[in-house]
Amino acid sequence: VAKLEEDLEQMTLTYMQDIYQLKKKVKI
């Protein structure tokens, strides 16, 4: 369960970074 929680948290952070970069590109 701890391993799954850690993987989920890492994936969430990666997706948030990708979304932020995409929003910046769309704004430009």
PDB file of all heavy atoms in Angstrom:
ATOM      1  N   VAL A   1       0.836  -1.195   0.000  1.00  0.00           N
ATOM      2  CA  VAL A   1       0.000   0.000   0.000  1.00  0.00           C
ATOM      3  C   VAL A   1       0.876   1.252   0.000  1.00  0.00           C
ATOM      4  O   VAL A   1       0.615   2.209  -0.738  1.00  0.00           O
ATOM      5  CB  VAL A   1      -0.968  -0.004   1.209  1.00  0.00           C
ATOM      6  CG1 VAL A   1      -1.731   1.304   1.294  1.00  0.00           C
ATOM      7  CG2 VAL A   1      -1.909  -1.189   1.133  1.00  0.00           C
ATOM      8  N   ALA A   2       1.928   1.238   0.791  1.00  0.00           N
ATOM      9  CA  ALA A   2       2.831   2.395   0.831  1.00  0.00           C
ATOM     10  C   ALA A   2       3.499   2.589  -0.525  1.00  0.00           C
ATOM     11  O   ALA A   2       3.664   3.721  -0.990  1.00  0.00           O
ATOM     12  CB  ALA A   2       3.869   2.216   1.924  1.00  0.00           C
ATOM     13  N   LYS A   3       3.884   1.493  -1.151  1.00  0.00           N
ATOM     14  CA  LYS A   3       4.504   1.572  -2.482  1.00  0.00           C
ATOM     15  C   LYS A   3       3.520   2.149  -3.497  1.00  0.00           C
ATOM     16  O   LYS A   3       3.883   3.004  -4.312  1.00  0.00           O
ATOM     17  CB  LYS A   3       4.963   0.171  -2.904  1.00  0.00           C
ATOM     18  CG  LYS A   3       5.537   0.081  -4.283  1.00  0.00           C
ATOM     19  CD  LYS A   3       6.917   0.665  -4.346  1.00  0.00           C
ATOM     20  CE  LYS A   3       7.531   0.324  -5.701  1.00  0.00           C
ATOM     21  NZ  LYS A   3       8.096   1.470  -6.325  1.00  0.00           N
ATOM     22  N   LEU A   4       2.280   1.692  -3.448  1.00  0.00           N
ATOM     23  CA  LEU A   4       1.261   2.223  -4.359  1.00  0.00           C
ATOM     24  C   LEU A   4       1.016   3.709  -4.119  1.00  0.00           C
ATOM     25  O   LEU A   4       0.870   4.487  -5.066  1.00  0.00           O
ATOM     26  CB  LEU A   4      -0.044   1.441  -4.201  1.00  0.00           C
ATOM     27  CG  LEU A   4      -0.082   0.065  -4.846  1.00  0.00           C
ATOM     28  CD1 LEU A   4      -1.382  -0.650  -4.483  1.00  0.00           C
ATOM     29  CD2 LEU A   4       0.035   0.173  -6.352  1.00  0.00           C
ATOM     30  N   GLU A   5       0.960   4.110  -2.860  1.00  0.00           N
ATOM     31  CA  GLU A   5       0.757   5.526  -2.543  1.00  0.00           C
ATOM     32  C   GLU A   5       1.910   6.375  -3.062  1.00  0.00           C
ATOM     33  O   GLU A   5       1.703   7.462  -3.604  1.00  0.00           O
ATOM     34  CB  GLU A   5       0.605   5.708  -1.030  1.00  0.00           C
ATOM     35  CG  GLU A   5      -0.719   5.239  -0.474  1.00  0.00           C
ATOM     36  CD  GLU A   5      -0.806   5.378   1.028  1.00  0.00           C
ATOM     37  OE1 GLU A   5       0.231   5.666   1.684  1.00  0.00           O
ATOM     38  OE2 GLU A   5      -1.916   5.191   1.554  1.00  0.00           O
ATOM     39  N   GLU A   6       3.118   5.867  -2.919  1.00  0.00           N
ATOM     40  CA  GLU A   6       4.289   6.603  -3.405  1.00  0.00           C
ATOM     41  C   GLU A   6       4.260   6.722  -4.929  1.00  0.00           C
ATOM     42  O   GLU A   6       4.531   7.794  -5.483  1.00  0.00           O
ATOM     43  CB  GLU A   6       5.558   5.882  -2.957  1.00  0.00           C
ATOM     44  CG  GLU A   6       6.836   6.601  -3.331  1.00  0.00           C
ATOM     45  CD  GLU A   6       8.069   5.829  -2.863  1.00  0.00           C
ATOM     46  OE1 GLU A   6       8.034   5.243  -1.777  1.00  0.00           O
ATOM     47  OE2 GLU A   6       9.059   5.841  -3.620  1.00  0.00           O
ATOM     48  N   ASP A   7       3.917   5.624  -5.618  1.00  0.00           N
ATOM     49  CA  ASP A   7       3.823   5.661  -7.082  1.00  0.00           C
ATOM     50  C   ASP A   7       2.738   6.633  -7.539  1.00  0.00           C
ATOM     51  O   ASP A   7       2.928   7.396  -8.499  1.00  0.00           O
ATOM     52  CB  ASP A   7       3.528   4.260  -7.634  1.00  0.00           C
ATOM     53  CG  ASP A   7       4.718   3.324  -7.512  1.00  0.00           C
ATOM     54  OD1 ASP A   7       5.840   3.816  -7.246  1.00  0.00           O
ATOM     55  OD2 ASP A   7       4.511   2.093  -7.669  1.00  0.00           O
ATOM     56  N   LEU A   8       1.604   6.610  -6.878  1.00  0.00           N
ATOM     57  CA  LEU A   8       0.509   7.504  -7.225  1.00  0.00           C
ATOM     58  C   LEU A   8       0.904   8.963  -7.019  1.00  0.00           C
ATOM     59  O   LEU A   8       0.613   9.826  -7.853  1.00  0.00           O
ATOM     60  CB  LEU A   8      -0.732   7.166  -6.393  1.00  0.00           C
ATOM     61  CG  LEU A   8      -1.968   7.986  -6.667  1.00  0.00           C
ATOM     62  CD1 LEU A   8      -2.458   7.752  -8.092  1.00  0.00           C
ATOM     63  CD2 LEU A   8      -3.066   7.645  -5.675  1.00  0.00           C
ATOM     64  N   GLU A   9       1.577   9.239  -5.929  1.00  0.00           N
ATOM     65  CA  GLU A   9       2.024  10.612  -5.665  1.00  0.00           C
ATOM     66  C   GLU A   9       3.021  11.072  -6.723  1.00  0.00           C
ATOM     67  O   GLU A   9       2.945  12.210  -7.218  1.00  0.00           O
ATOM     68  CB  GLU A   9       2.656  10.667  -4.270  1.00  0.00           C
ATOM     69  CG  GLU A   9       3.003  12.066  -3.828  1.00  0.00           C
ATOM     70  CD  GLU A   9       3.509  12.076  -2.388  1.00  0.00           C
ATOM     71  OE1 GLU A   9       3.017  11.286  -1.573  1.00  0.00           O
ATOM     72  OE2 GLU A   9       4.400  12.903  -2.114  1.00  0.00           O
ATOM     73  N   GLN A  10       3.937  10.192  -7.111  1.00  0.00           N
ATOM     74  CA  GLN A  10       4.924  10.538  -8.142  1.00  0.00           C
ATOM     75  C   GLN A  10       4.245  10.797  -9.481  1.00  0.00           C
ATOM     76  O   GLN A  10       4.566  11.751 -10.192  1.00  0.00           O
ATOM     77  CB  GLN A  10       5.952   9.406  -8.268  1.00  0.00           C
ATOM     78  CG  GLN A  10       7.065   9.707  -9.230  1.00  0.00           C
ATOM     79  CD  GLN A  10       7.921  10.867  -8.774  1.00  0.00           C
ATOM     80  OE1 GLN A  10       8.113  11.079  -7.585  1.00  0.00           O
ATOM     81  NE2 GLN A  10       8.424  11.635  -9.712  1.00  0.00           N
ATOM     82  N   MET A  11       3.270   9.953  -9.821  1.00  0.00           N
ATOM     83  CA  MET A  11       2.541  10.139 -11.074  1.00  0.00           C
ATOM     84  C   MET A  11       1.746  11.441 -11.065  1.00  0.00           C
ATOM     85  O   MET A  11       1.697  12.160 -12.066  1.00  0.00           O
ATOM     86  CB  MET A  11       1.579   8.954 -11.290  1.00  0.00           C
ATOM     87  CG  MET A  11       1.740   8.318 -12.624  1.00  0.00           C
ATOM     88  SD  MET A  11       0.766   6.845 -12.956  1.00  0.00           S
ATOM     89  CE  MET A  11      -0.524   6.772 -11.819  1.00  0.00           C
ATOM     90  N   THR A  12       1.134  11.746  -9.947  1.00  0.00           N
ATOM     91  CA  THR A  12       0.361  12.982  -9.828  1.00  0.00           C
ATOM     92  C   THR A  12       1.257  14.202 -10.033  1.00  0.00           C
ATOM     93  O   THR A  12       0.890  15.143 -10.740  1.00  0.00           O
ATOM     94  CB  THR A  12      -0.327  13.044  -8.456  1.00  0.00           C
ATOM     95  OG1 THR A  12      -1.132  11.887  -8.278  1.00  0.00           O
ATOM     96  CG2 THR A  12      -1.190  14.287  -8.330  1.00  0.00           C
ATOM     97  N   LEU A  13       2.427  14.174  -9.416  1.00  0.00           N
ATOM     98  CA  LEU A  13       3.361  15.292  -9.582  1.00  0.00           C
ATOM     99  C   LEU A  13       3.806  15.427 -11.041  1.00  0.00           C
ATOM    100  O   LEU A  13       3.895  16.539 -11.573  1.00  0.00           O
ATOM    101  CB  LEU A  13       4.582  15.107  -8.678  1.00  0.00           C
ATOM    102  CG  LEU A  13       4.350  15.334  -7.187  1.00  0.00           C
ATOM    103  CD1 LEU A  13       5.589  14.959  -6.395  1.00  0.00           C
ATOM    104  CD2 LEU A  13       3.962  16.776  -6.917  1.00  0.00           C
ATOM    105  N   THR A  14       4.059  14.303 -11.691  1.00  0.00           N
ATOM    106  CA  THR A  14       4.469  14.336 -13.093  1.00  0.00           C
ATOM    107  C   THR A  14       3.372  14.927 -13.967  1.00  0.00           C
ATOM    108  O   THR A  14       3.629  15.779 -14.823  1.00  0.00           O
ATOM    109  CB  THR A  14       4.812  12.914 -13.579  1.00  0.00           C
ATOM    110  OG1 THR A  14       5.817  12.364 -12.727  1.00  0.00           O
ATOM    111  CG2 THR A  14       5.316  12.933 -15.008  1.00  0.00           C
ATOM    112  N   TYR A  15       2.138  14.489 -13.745  1.00  0.00           N
ATOM    113  CA  TYR A  15       1.014  15.021 -14.524  1.00  0.00           C
ATOM    114  C   TYR A  15       0.801  16.507 -14.275  1.00  0.00           C
ATOM    115  O   TYR A  15       0.515  17.263 -15.195  1.00  0.00           O
ATOM    116  CB  TYR A  15      -0.271  14.250 -14.234  1.00  0.00           C
ATOM    117  CG  TYR A  15      -0.316  12.879 -14.861  1.00  0.00           C
ATOM    118  CD1 TYR A  15      -0.749  11.784 -14.151  1.00  0.00           C
ATOM    119  CD2 TYR A  15       0.092  12.677 -16.180  1.00  0.00           C
ATOM    120  CE1 TYR A  15      -0.777  10.523 -14.716  1.00  0.00           C
ATOM    121  CE2 TYR A  15       0.068  11.421 -16.752  1.00  0.00           C
ATOM    122  CZ  TYR A  15      -0.377  10.346 -16.013  1.00  0.00           C
ATOM    123  OH  TYR A  15      -0.403   9.109 -16.582  1.00  0.00           O
ATOM    124  N   MET A  16       0.938  16.927 -13.037  1.00  0.00           N
ATOM    125  CA  MET A  16       0.769  18.352 -12.731  1.00  0.00           C
ATOM    126  C   MET A  16       1.835  19.187 -13.442  1.00  0.00           C
ATOM    127  O   MET A  16       1.540  20.270 -13.954  1.00  0.00           O
ATOM    128  CB  MET A  16       0.808  18.572 -11.217  1.00  0.00           C
ATOM    129  CG  MET A  16      -0.442  18.059 -10.518  1.00  0.00           C
ATOM    130  SD  MET A  16      -0.371  18.215  -8.738  1.00  0.00           S
ATOM    131  CE  MET A  16      -0.366  19.978  -8.541  1.00  0.00           C
ATOM    132  N   GLN A  17       3.067  18.680 -13.482  1.00  0.00           N
ATOM    133  CA  GLN A  17       4.129  19.398 -14.190  1.00  0.00           C
ATOM    134  C   GLN A  17       3.842  19.458 -15.684  1.00  0.00           C
ATOM    135  O   GLN A  17       4.029  20.506 -16.316  1.00  0.00           O
ATOM    136  CB  GLN A  17       5.482  18.722 -13.943  1.00  0.00           C
ATOM    137  CG  GLN A  17       6.010  18.903 -12.543  1.00  0.00           C
ATOM    138  CD  GLN A  17       7.262  18.072 -12.280  1.00  0.00           C
ATOM    139  OE1 GLN A  17       7.609  17.197 -13.065  1.00  0.00           O
ATOM    140  NE2 GLN A  17       7.935  18.352 -11.169  1.00  0.00           N
ATOM    141  N   ASP A  18       3.376  18.356 -16.249  1.00  0.00           N
ATOM    142  CA  ASP A  18       3.036  18.334 -17.679  1.00  0.00           C
ATOM    143  C   ASP A  18       1.910  19.306 -17.994  1.00  0.00           C
ATOM    144  O   ASP A  18       1.957  20.038 -18.982  1.00  0.00           O
ATOM    145  CB  ASP A  18       2.637  16.925 -18.114  1.00  0.00           C
ATOM    146  CG  ASP A  18       3.821  15.964 -18.141  1.00  0.00           C
ATOM    147  OD1 ASP A  18       4.973  16.444 -18.095  1.00  0.00           O
ATOM    148  OD2 ASP A  18       3.584  14.734 -18.191  1.00  0.00           O
ATOM    149  N   ILE A  19       0.893  19.320 -17.153  1.00  0.00           N
ATOM    150  CA  ILE A  19      -0.239  20.234 -17.366  1.00  0.00           C
ATOM    151  C   ILE A  19       0.225  21.683 -17.276  1.00  0.00           C
ATOM    152  O   ILE A  19      -0.172  22.528 -18.080  1.00  0.00           O
ATOM    153  CB  ILE A  19      -1.369  19.930 -16.364  1.00  0.00           C
ATOM    154  CG1 ILE A  19      -2.029  18.605 -16.722  1.00  0.00           C
ATOM    155  CG2 ILE A  19      -2.402  21.056 -16.337  1.00  0.00           C
ATOM    156  CD1 ILE A  19      -3.036  18.119 -15.695  1.00  0.00           C
ATOM    157  N   TYR A  20       1.075  21.982 -16.317  1.00  0.00           N
ATOM    158  CA  TYR A  20       1.589  23.345 -16.176  1.00  0.00           C
ATOM    159  C   TYR A  20       2.361  23.767 -17.427  1.00  0.00           C
ATOM    160  O   TYR A  20       2.180  24.875 -17.940  1.00  0.00           O
ATOM    161  CB  TYR A  20       2.474  23.431 -14.930  1.00  0.00           C
ATOM    162  CG  TYR A  20       3.145  24.768 -14.759  1.00  0.00           C
ATOM    163  CD1 TYR A  20       2.413  25.881 -14.346  1.00  0.00           C
ATOM    164  CD2 TYR A  20       4.497  24.928 -15.017  1.00  0.00           C
ATOM    165  CE1 TYR A  20       3.018  27.111 -14.193  1.00  0.00           C
ATOM    166  CE2 TYR A  20       5.113  26.149 -14.869  1.00  0.00           C
ATOM    167  CZ  TYR A  20       4.370  27.235 -14.457  1.00  0.00           C
ATOM    168  OH  TYR A  20       4.978  28.449 -14.314  1.00  0.00           O
ATOM    169  N   GLN A  21       3.209  22.873 -17.936  1.00  0.00           N
ATOM    170  CA  GLN A  21       3.978  23.194 -19.141  1.00  0.00           C
ATOM    171  C   GLN A  21       3.061  23.382 -20.346  1.00  0.00           C
ATOM    172  O   GLN A  21       3.262  24.289 -21.157  1.00  0.00           O
ATOM    173  CB  GLN A  21       5.000  22.095 -19.414  1.00  0.00           C
ATOM    174  CG  GLN A  21       6.138  22.078 -18.419  1.00  0.00           C
ATOM    175  CD  GLN A  21       7.081  20.905 -18.619  1.00  0.00           C
ATOM    176  OE1 GLN A  21       6.802  20.011 -19.408  1.00  0.00           O
ATOM    177  NE2 GLN A  21       8.196  20.909 -17.903  1.00  0.00           N
ATOM    178  N   LEU A  22       2.043  22.532 -20.462  1.00  0.00           N
ATOM    179  CA  LEU A  22       1.098  22.676 -21.573  1.00  0.00           C
ATOM    180  C   LEU A  22       0.332  23.991 -21.488  1.00  0.00           C
ATOM    181  O   LEU A  22       0.115  24.658 -22.504  1.00  0.00           O
ATOM    182  CB  LEU A  22       0.121  21.502 -21.597  1.00  0.00           C
ATOM    183  CG  LEU A  22       0.702  20.175 -22.085  1.00  0.00           C
ATOM    184  CD1 LEU A  22      -0.308  19.063 -21.882  1.00  0.00           C
ATOM    185  CD2 LEU A  22       1.113  20.266 -23.525  1.00  0.00           C
ATOM    186  N   LYS A  23      -0.069  24.376 -20.297  1.00  0.00           N
ATOM    187  CA  LYS A  23      -0.783  25.648 -20.135  1.00  0.00           C
ATOM    188  C   LYS A  23       0.102  26.819 -20.522  1.00  0.00           C
ATOM    189  O   LYS A  23      -0.366  27.778 -21.143  1.00  0.00           O
ATOM    190  CB  LYS A  23      -1.273  25.804 -18.694  1.00  0.00           C
ATOM    191  CG  LYS A  23      -2.493  24.976 -18.382  1.00  0.00           C
ATOM    192  CD  LYS A  23      -2.985  25.221 -16.969  1.00  0.00           C
ATOM    193  CE  LYS A  23      -4.217  24.408 -16.678  1.00  0.00           C
ATOM    194  NZ  LYS A  23      -4.733  24.645 -15.322  1.00  0.00           N
ATOM    195  N   LYS A  24       1.387  26.745 -20.165  1.00  0.00           N
ATOM    196  CA  LYS A  24       2.306  27.813 -20.550  1.00  0.00           C
ATOM    197  C   LYS A  24       2.431  27.897 -22.068  1.00  0.00           C
ATOM    198  O   LYS A  24       2.403  28.980 -22.644  1.00  0.00           O
ATOM    199  CB  LYS A  24       3.685  27.574 -19.925  1.00  0.00           C
ATOM    200  CG  LYS A  24       3.793  28.014 -18.494  1.00  0.00           C
ATOM    201  CD  LYS A  24       5.129  27.713 -17.852  1.00  0.00           C
ATOM    202  CE  LYS A  24       6.324  28.006 -18.683  1.00  0.00           C
ATOM    203  NZ  LYS A  24       7.608  27.731 -18.004  1.00  0.00           N
ATOM    204  N   LYS A  25       2.540  26.742 -22.723  1.00  0.00           N
ATOM    205  CA  LYS A  25       2.672  26.729 -24.179  1.00  0.00           C
ATOM    206  C   LYS A  25       1.407  27.244 -24.850  1.00  0.00           C
ATOM    207  O   LYS A  25       1.475  28.003 -25.824  1.00  0.00           O
ATOM    208  CB  LYS A  25       2.989  25.319 -24.671  1.00  0.00           C
ATOM    209  CG  LYS A  25       4.386  24.872 -24.332  1.00  0.00           C
ATOM    210  CD  LYS A  25       4.668  23.467 -24.809  1.00  0.00           C
ATOM    211  CE  LYS A  25       6.067  23.034 -24.431  1.00  0.00           C
ATOM    212  NZ  LYS A  25       6.363  21.668 -24.856  1.00  0.00           N
ATOM    213  N   VAL A  26       0.245  26.864 -24.329  1.00  0.00           N
ATOM    214  CA  VAL A  26      -1.021  27.341 -24.898  1.00  0.00           C
ATOM    215  C   VAL A  26      -1.134  28.847 -24.730  1.00  0.00           C
ATOM    216  O   VAL A  26      -1.567  29.553 -25.648  1.00  0.00           O
ATOM    217  CB  VAL A  26      -2.215  26.611 -24.240  1.00  0.00           C
ATOM    218  CG1 VAL A  26      -3.523  27.305 -24.555  1.00  0.00           C
ATOM    219  CG2 VAL A  26      -2.260  25.162 -24.683  1.00  0.00           C
ATOM    220  N   LYS A  27      -0.730  29.349 -23.588  1.00  0.00           N
ATOM    221  CA  LYS A  27      -0.779  30.795 -23.354  1.00  0.00           C
ATOM    222  C   LYS A  27       0.120  31.533 -24.340  1.00  0.00           C
ATOM    223  O   LYS A  27      -0.277  32.557 -24.911  1.00  0.00           O
ATOM    224  CB  LYS A  27      -0.362  31.103 -21.923  1.00  0.00           C
ATOM    225  CG  LYS A  27      -0.499  32.549 -21.557  1.00  0.00           C
ATOM    226  CD  LYS A  27      -0.140  32.785 -20.110  1.00  0.00           C
ATOM    227  CE  LYS A  27      -0.273  34.249 -19.770  1.00  0.00           C
ATOM    228  NZ  LYS A  27       0.087  34.529 -18.372  1.00  0.00           N
ATOM    229  N   ILE A  28       1.301  31.003 -24.593  1.00  0.00           N
ATOM    230  CA  ILE A  28       2.221  31.624 -25.552  1.00  0.00           C
ATOM    231  C   ILE A  28       1.620  31.602 -26.954  1.00  0.00           C
ATOM    232  O   ILE A  28       1.654  32.600 -27.679  1.00  0.00           O
ATOM    233  CB  ILE A  28       3.588  30.919 -25.514  1.00  0.00           C
ATOM    234  CG1 ILE A  28       4.293  31.216 -24.197  1.00  0.00           C
ATOM    235  CG2 ILE A  28       4.451  31.336 -26.693  1.00  0.00           C
ATOM    236  CD1 ILE A  28       5.531  30.372 -23.962  1.00  0.00           C
TER     237      ILE A  28
END
